Each structure stands twice: as C-alpha cells, then as structure tokens.
Amino acid sequence: MGNIGVTEILLIAVVALLLFGAGRIADIGKGLGQGIKNFKQGLKEAEELDKADKPADKALPAAAAPKEDKEAKA
C-alpha cells in the first residue's frame, strides 16, 4: 500500500493539470526551482562566512595558552 506506481503518478498529474492549468503548474515549477537555487546559494554563503570567521589552525601563543593550576595537581 505504500508504493506509488506510474499509474498513480500519472493520475495525480492529470488531476493537478485540470485543477491548476498548464500555465500555473509551470509557474509553480519555476518558483520551486528558484527557491531551491536560493536555498543552496544561502547554504554556500553561510559556509563561506563560517570559514572566514574561523581563524586558521594556528597554535596559540604561549601567553594565550591556558595556564595549568599547579596547586590543583598537587
């Protein structure tokens, strides 16, 4: 019951065509494609910002390195 075959997909497409018309379906497809494109572009820009915000893998200078508490170890 969970499998959708070719016949069911064609039936759904015909009903959608009758309800919305060919022009409206084309507009919906175009809008969906633009939305996916914008989403991917946003993800790419966010990754680039993350890379730019993170400093390169450099060792911390001795002054900036966390100091150990000698009394806590004793």
N, C-alpha and C. Protein backbone atom coordinates (compact mmCIF):
# COMPACT_ATOMS: atom_id res chain seq x y z
N MET A 1 0.82 -1.19 0.00
CA MET A 1 0.00 0.00 0.00
C MET A 1 0.86 1.25 0.00
N GLY A 2 2.11 1.16 0.42
CA GLY A 2 2.98 2.32 0.49
C GLY A 2 3.66 2.67 -0.82
N ASN A 3 3.58 1.77 -1.80
CA ASN A 3 4.25 2.02 -3.07
C ASN A 3 3.34 2.79 -4.01
N ILE A 4 3.89 3.83 -4.63
CA ILE A 4 3.14 4.59 -5.62
C ILE A 4 3.70 4.22 -6.98
N GLY A 5 2.84 3.75 -7.86
CA GLY A 5 3.26 3.32 -9.18
C GLY A 5 3.13 4.43 -10.20
N VAL A 6 3.47 4.11 -11.42
CA VAL A 6 3.42 5.07 -12.53
C VAL A 6 1.98 5.50 -12.78
N THR A 7 1.04 4.59 -12.68
CA THR A 7 -0.36 4.92 -12.92
C THR A 7 -0.86 5.97 -11.93
N GLU A 8 -0.52 5.80 -10.67
CA GLU A 8 -0.95 6.75 -9.65
C GLU A 8 -0.33 8.12 -9.87
N ILE A 9 0.95 8.15 -10.26
CA ILE A 9 1.63 9.43 -10.51
C ILE A 9 0.98 10.14 -11.69
N LEU A 10 0.67 9.40 -12.75
CA LEU A 10 0.00 10.00 -13.91
C LEU A 10 -1.38 10.53 -13.54
N LEU A 11 -2.11 9.79 -12.72
CA LEU A 11 -3.43 10.24 -12.29
C LEU A 11 -3.33 11.54 -11.48
N ILE A 12 -2.38 11.61 -10.60
CA ILE A 12 -2.17 12.83 -9.80
C ILE A 12 -1.79 13.99 -10.71
N ALA A 13 -0.94 13.74 -11.71
CA ALA A 13 -0.53 14.79 -12.65
C ALA A 13 -1.72 15.31 -13.46
N VAL A 14 -2.58 14.41 -13.89
CA VAL A 14 -3.76 14.82 -14.67
C VAL A 14 -4.70 15.64 -13.81
N VAL A 15 -4.93 15.23 -12.59
CA VAL A 15 -5.81 15.99 -11.69
C VAL A 15 -5.22 17.36 -11.41
N ALA A 16 -3.91 17.44 -11.17
CA ALA A 16 -3.26 18.73 -10.94
C ALA A 16 -3.38 19.63 -12.17
N LEU A 17 -3.21 19.04 -13.35
CA LEU A 17 -3.33 19.81 -14.59
C LEU A 17 -4.74 20.36 -14.75
N LEU A 18 -5.73 19.56 -14.41
CA LEU A 18 -7.12 20.02 -14.52
C LEU A 18 -7.43 21.11 -13.49
N LEU A 19 -6.88 20.98 -12.29
CA LEU A 19 -7.16 21.96 -11.24
C LEU A 19 -6.45 23.29 -11.47
N PHE A 20 -5.19 23.24 -11.85
CA PHE A 20 -4.38 24.45 -11.92
C PHE A 20 -4.17 24.97 -13.32
N GLY A 21 -4.20 24.13 -14.31
CA GLY A 21 -3.91 24.54 -15.68
C GLY A 21 -2.41 24.46 -15.94
N ALA A 22 -2.04 24.36 -17.21
CA ALA A 22 -0.64 24.15 -17.58
C ALA A 22 0.23 25.35 -17.21
N GLY A 23 -0.30 26.56 -17.41
CA GLY A 23 0.49 27.76 -17.10
C GLY A 23 0.80 27.90 -15.63
N ARG A 24 -0.18 27.61 -14.82
CA ARG A 24 0.01 27.73 -13.36
C ARG A 24 0.99 26.68 -12.86
N ILE A 25 0.94 25.47 -13.39
CA ILE A 25 1.87 24.42 -12.99
C ILE A 25 3.30 24.79 -13.39
N ALA A 26 3.45 25.42 -14.56
CA ALA A 26 4.78 25.87 -14.98
C ALA A 26 5.30 26.94 -14.03
N ASP A 27 4.43 27.84 -13.60
CA ASP A 27 4.83 28.88 -12.65
C ASP A 27 5.24 28.28 -11.30
N ILE A 28 4.50 27.28 -10.87
CA ILE A 28 4.81 26.61 -9.60
C ILE A 28 6.17 25.93 -9.70
N GLY A 29 6.42 25.25 -10.82
CA GLY A 29 7.72 24.59 -11.02
C GLY A 29 8.86 25.58 -11.06
N LYS A 30 8.64 26.70 -11.74
CA LYS A 30 9.67 27.74 -11.82
C LYS A 30 9.97 28.31 -10.44
N GLY A 31 8.93 28.59 -9.68
CA GLY A 31 9.11 29.12 -8.33
C GLY A 31 9.82 28.14 -7.42
N LEU A 32 9.47 26.87 -7.56
CA LEU A 32 10.12 25.84 -6.75
C LEU A 32 11.61 25.74 -7.10
N GLY A 33 11.91 25.78 -8.40
CA GLY A 33 13.31 25.73 -8.83
C GLY A 33 14.11 26.92 -8.32
N GLN A 34 13.54 28.11 -8.37
CA GLN A 34 14.22 29.30 -7.87
C GLN A 34 14.42 29.22 -6.36
N GLY A 35 13.44 28.68 -5.66
CA GLY A 35 13.56 28.53 -4.21
C GLY A 35 14.69 27.59 -3.84
N ILE A 36 14.79 26.49 -4.55
CA ILE A 36 15.87 25.53 -4.28
C ILE A 36 17.22 26.16 -4.59
N LYS A 37 17.30 26.91 -5.70
CA LYS A 37 18.54 27.58 -6.07
C LYS A 37 18.96 28.59 -5.00
N ASN A 38 18.01 29.39 -4.52
CA ASN A 38 18.31 30.38 -3.48
C ASN A 38 18.73 29.71 -2.18
N PHE A 39 18.09 28.59 -1.86
CA PHE A 39 18.44 27.87 -0.63
C PHE A 39 19.87 27.35 -0.70
N LYS A 40 20.25 26.76 -1.83
CA LYS A 40 21.61 26.25 -2.00
C LYS A 40 22.62 27.38 -1.96
N GLN A 41 22.28 28.52 -2.57
CA GLN A 41 23.18 29.67 -2.56
C GLN A 41 23.35 30.19 -1.14
N GLY A 42 22.27 30.22 -0.37
CA GLY A 42 22.35 30.65 1.02
C GLY A 42 23.23 29.72 1.85
N LEU A 43 23.11 28.42 1.64
CA LEU A 43 23.96 27.47 2.35
C LEU A 43 25.43 27.68 2.00
N LYS A 44 25.71 27.92 0.73
CA LYS A 44 27.09 28.13 0.28
C LYS A 44 27.66 29.40 0.92
N GLU A 45 26.86 30.47 0.93
CA GLU A 45 27.32 31.72 1.53
C GLU A 45 27.55 31.56 3.03
N ALA A 46 26.69 30.82 3.71
CA ALA A 46 26.86 30.60 5.14
C ALA A 46 28.14 29.81 5.43
N GLU A 47 28.44 28.82 4.59
CA GLU A 47 29.68 28.06 4.77
C GLU A 47 30.90 28.94 4.55
N GLU A 48 30.83 29.82 3.54
CA GLU A 48 31.94 30.73 3.29
C GLU A 48 32.14 31.70 4.44
N LEU A 49 31.04 32.18 5.04
CA LEU A 49 31.15 33.07 6.19
C LEU A 49 31.76 32.35 7.39
N ASP A 50 31.35 31.10 7.59
CA ASP A 50 31.90 30.32 8.70
C ASP A 50 33.40 30.12 8.53
N LYS A 51 33.83 29.83 7.30
CA LYS A 51 35.26 29.64 7.04
C LYS A 51 36.02 30.94 7.24
N ALA A 52 35.43 32.07 6.86
CA ALA A 52 36.09 33.36 7.00
C ALA A 52 36.18 33.78 8.46
N ASP A 53 35.18 33.42 9.27
CA ASP A 53 35.17 33.80 10.68
C ASP A 53 36.14 32.99 11.51
N LYS A 54 36.38 31.75 11.13
CA LYS A 54 37.27 30.89 11.90
C LYS A 54 38.72 31.19 11.55
N PRO A 55 39.56 31.38 12.55
CA PRO A 55 40.98 31.58 12.23
C PRO A 55 41.59 30.28 11.73
N ALA A 56 42.66 30.41 11.01
CA ALA A 56 43.35 29.22 10.51
C ALA A 56 43.86 28.40 11.69
N ASP A 57 44.11 27.13 11.45
CA ASP A 57 44.58 26.25 12.51
C ASP A 57 46.01 26.63 12.89
N LYS A 58 46.13 27.61 13.74
CA LYS A 58 47.44 28.05 14.20
C LYS A 58 47.54 27.73 15.69
N ALA A 59 48.74 27.45 16.11
CA ALA A 59 48.96 27.18 17.53
C ALA A 59 48.78 28.47 18.31
N LEU A 60 48.23 28.36 19.51
CA LEU A 60 48.06 29.54 20.35
C LEU A 60 49.42 30.01 20.85
N PRO A 61 49.64 31.30 20.90
CA PRO A 61 50.88 31.78 21.50
C PRO A 61 50.92 31.40 22.98
N ALA A 62 52.10 31.36 23.53
CA ALA A 62 52.27 30.93 24.93
C ALA A 62 51.46 31.80 25.88
N ALA A 63 51.35 33.08 25.62
CA ALA A 63 50.61 33.98 26.50
C ALA A 63 49.11 33.70 26.45
N ALA A 64 48.62 33.23 25.34
CA ALA A 64 47.19 32.98 25.19
C ALA A 64 46.80 31.56 25.57
N ALA A 65 47.79 30.67 25.72
CA ALA A 65 47.50 29.28 26.07
C ALA A 65 46.98 29.22 27.49
N PRO A 66 46.04 28.33 27.78
CA PRO A 66 45.53 28.22 29.15
C PRO A 66 46.63 27.75 30.10
N LYS A 67 46.68 28.39 31.25
CA LYS A 67 47.70 28.05 32.24
C LYS A 67 47.18 26.97 33.16
N GLU A 68 48.05 26.07 33.53
CA GLU A 68 47.68 24.99 34.44
C GLU A 68 47.78 25.48 35.86
N ASP A 69 46.89 25.00 36.68
CA ASP A 69 46.94 25.36 38.09
C ASP A 69 47.82 24.33 38.81
N LYS A 70 49.01 24.77 39.22
CA LYS A 70 49.97 23.85 39.83
C LYS A 70 49.48 23.33 41.17
N GLU A 71 48.74 24.15 41.91
CA GLU A 71 48.26 23.73 43.22
C GLU A 71 47.17 22.66 43.09
N ALA A 72 46.39 22.69 42.02
CA ALA A 72 45.34 21.72 41.83
C ALA A 72 45.89 20.35 41.55
N LYS A 73 47.08 20.26 40.94
CA LYS A 73 47.69 18.99 40.63
C LYS A 73 48.35 18.36 41.84
N ALA A 74 48.72 19.15 42.81
CA ALA A 74 49.45 18.63 43.97
C ALA A 74 48.60 17.88 44.93
